[in-house]
Amino acid sequence: MPRTKKTPDFETSLTELEQLVNRMEQGDMPLADALQAFEQGIALTRDCQGILDQAEQKVRMLVEKDGELQTVPFTDPEDA
């Protein structure tokens, strides 16, 4: 299944990667298919890592003030 050039969705890529790993772990793939699956797995891993890196950068930009990262609670202070 060829990868498209559109921006991958993290959840979709992760699900595809999990399914691919499960198929490979069964151990009944011919070598050529296993190598192709491994290559696809590497591409999916890179997709996921790229998405996570972008999300981390967005979070850093949102919580940065005057060049320094600020600690921001995940809960609403009014809930305390």
C-alpha atoms as a PDB file:
ATOM      1  CA  MET A   1       0.000   0.000   0.000  1.00  0.00           C
ATOM      2  CA  PRO A   2       1.853   3.106  -1.205  1.00  0.00           C
ATOM      3  CA  ARG A   3       2.114   6.179   1.019  1.00  0.00           C
ATOM      4  CA  THR A   4       0.595   9.399  -0.271  1.00  0.00           C
ATOM      5  CA  LYS A   5       2.264  12.799  -0.076  1.00  0.00           C
ATOM      6  CA  LYS A   6      -0.537  14.337   2.014  1.00  0.00           C
ATOM      7  CA  THR A   7       0.141  15.183   5.644  1.00  0.00           C
ATOM      8  CA  PRO A   8      -0.247  12.001   7.671  1.00  0.00           C
ATOM      9  CA  ASP A   9      -2.591  11.785  10.625  1.00  0.00           C
ATOM     10  CA  PHE A  10      -0.841  10.633  13.822  1.00  0.00           C
ATOM     11  CA  GLU A  11      -3.529   8.193  14.927  1.00  0.00           C
ATOM     12  CA  THR A  12      -3.852   6.687  11.446  1.00  0.00           C
ATOM     13  CA  SER A  13      -0.081   6.292  11.075  1.00  0.00           C
ATOM     14  CA  LEU A  14       0.227   4.754  14.538  1.00  0.00           C
ATOM     15  CA  THR A  15      -2.604   2.293  13.845  1.00  0.00           C
ATOM     16  CA  GLU A  16      -1.004   1.299  10.533  1.00  0.00           C
ATOM     17  CA  LEU A  17       2.333   0.816  12.294  1.00  0.00           C
ATOM     18  CA  GLU A  18       0.773  -1.369  14.998  1.00  0.00           C
ATOM     19  CA  GLN A  19      -0.971  -3.523  12.381  1.00  0.00           C
ATOM     20  CA  LEU A  20       2.236  -3.842  10.386  1.00  0.00           C
ATOM     21  CA  VAL A  21       4.204  -4.920  13.461  1.00  0.00           C
ATOM     22  CA  ASN A  22       1.544  -7.494  14.346  1.00  0.00           C
ATOM     23  CA  ARG A  23       1.739  -8.994  10.843  1.00  0.00           C
ATOM     24  CA  MET A  24       5.532  -9.087  10.965  1.00  0.00           C
ATOM     25  CA  GLU A  25       5.557 -10.686  14.421  1.00  0.00           C
ATOM     26  CA  GLN A  26       3.585 -13.647  13.073  1.00  0.00           C
ATOM     27  CA  GLY A  27       6.794 -14.661  11.316  1.00  0.00           C
ATOM     28  CA  ASP A  28       5.225 -16.120   8.193  1.00  0.00           C
ATOM     29  CA  MET A  29       6.122 -13.348   5.726  1.00  0.00           C
ATOM     30  CA  PRO A  30       8.494 -14.104   2.870  1.00  0.00           C
ATOM     31  CA  LEU A  31      11.782 -12.207   3.190  1.00  0.00           C
ATOM     32  CA  ALA A  32      11.001  -9.753   0.366  1.00  0.00           C
ATOM     33  CA  ASP A  33       7.640  -8.900   1.948  1.00  0.00           C
ATOM     34  CA  ALA A  34       9.226  -8.553   5.390  1.00  0.00           C
ATOM     35  CA  LEU A  35      11.813  -6.124   4.027  1.00  0.00           C
ATOM     36  CA  GLN A  36       9.118  -4.087   2.302  1.00  0.00           C
ATOM     37  CA  ALA A  37       7.047  -4.078   5.508  1.00  0.00           C
ATOM     38  CA  PHE A  38      10.104  -3.004   7.511  1.00  0.00           C
ATOM     39  CA  GLU A  39      10.699  -0.115   5.101  1.00  0.00           C
ATOM     40  CA  GLN A  40       7.056   0.932   5.413  1.00  0.00           C
ATOM     41  CA  GLY A  41       7.350   0.691   9.213  1.00  0.00           C
ATOM     42  CA  ILE A  42      10.350   3.017   9.207  1.00  0.00           C
ATOM     43  CA  ALA A  43       8.387   5.541   7.108  1.00  0.00           C
ATOM     44  CA  LEU A  44       5.412   5.347   9.487  1.00  0.00           C
ATOM     45  CA  THR A  45       7.719   5.781  12.481  1.00  0.00           C
ATOM     46  CA  ARG A  46       9.227   8.888  10.904  1.00  0.00           C
ATOM     47  CA  ASP A  47       5.746  10.243  10.159  1.00  0.00           C
ATOM     48  CA  CYS A  48       4.709   9.777  13.789  1.00  0.00           C
ATOM     49  CA  GLN A  49       7.928  11.293  15.136  1.00  0.00           C
ATOM     50  CA  GLY A  50       7.585  14.308  12.844  1.00  0.00           C
ATOM     51  CA  ILE A  51       4.024  14.911  14.012  1.00  0.00           C
ATOM     52  CA  LEU A  52       5.084  14.623  17.661  1.00  0.00           C
ATOM     53  CA  ASP A  53       7.984  17.035  17.068  1.00  0.00           C
ATOM     54  CA  GLN A  54       5.601  19.583  15.498  1.00  0.00           C
ATOM     55  CA  ALA A  55       3.199  19.249  18.426  1.00  0.00           C
ATOM     56  CA  GLU A  56       6.051  19.761  20.894  1.00  0.00           C
ATOM     57  CA  GLN A  57       7.131  22.925  19.068  1.00  0.00           C
ATOM     58  CA  LYS A  58       3.569  24.273  19.177  1.00  0.00           C
ATOM     59  CA  VAL A  59       3.332  23.593  22.907  1.00  0.00           C
ATOM     60  CA  ARG A  60       6.659  25.309  23.518  1.00  0.00           C
ATOM     61  CA  MET A  61       5.542  28.353  21.534  1.00  0.00           C
ATOM     62  CA  LEU A  62       2.298  28.533  23.483  1.00  0.00           C
ATOM     63  CA  VAL A  63       3.922  28.387  26.922  1.00  0.00           C
ATOM     64  CA  GLU A  64       7.034  30.456  26.191  1.00  0.00           C
ATOM     65  CA  LYS A  65       7.193  33.969  27.612  1.00  0.00           C
ATOM     66  CA  ASP A  66      10.121  36.370  27.204  1.00  0.00           C
ATOM     67  CA  GLY A  67      12.311  33.587  25.810  1.00  0.00           C
ATOM     68  CA  GLU A  68      11.787  31.249  28.769  1.00  0.00           C
ATOM     69  CA  LEU A  69       9.397  28.356  29.152  1.00  0.00           C
ATOM     70  CA  GLN A  70       6.722  28.906  31.751  1.00  0.00           C
ATOM     71  CA  THR A  71       5.137  26.136  33.815  1.00  0.00           C
ATOM     72  CA  VAL A  72       1.464  25.926  32.930  1.00  0.00           C
ATOM     73  CA  PRO A  73      -0.902  23.631  34.870  1.00  0.00           C
ATOM     74  CA  PHE A  74      -3.112  21.272  32.896  1.00  0.00           C
ATOM     75  CA  THR A  75      -6.039  21.836  35.256  1.00  0.00           C
ATOM     76  CA  ASP A  76      -8.117  24.956  35.572  1.00  0.00           C
ATOM     77  CA  PRO A  77      -7.137  26.891  38.761  1.00  0.00           C
ATOM     78  CA  GLU A  78     -10.850  27.454  39.427  1.00  0.00           C
ATOM     79  CA  ASP A  79     -11.329  23.670  39.780  1.00  0.00           C
ATOM     80  CA  ALA A  80      -8.977  23.508  42.782  1.00  0.00           C
END
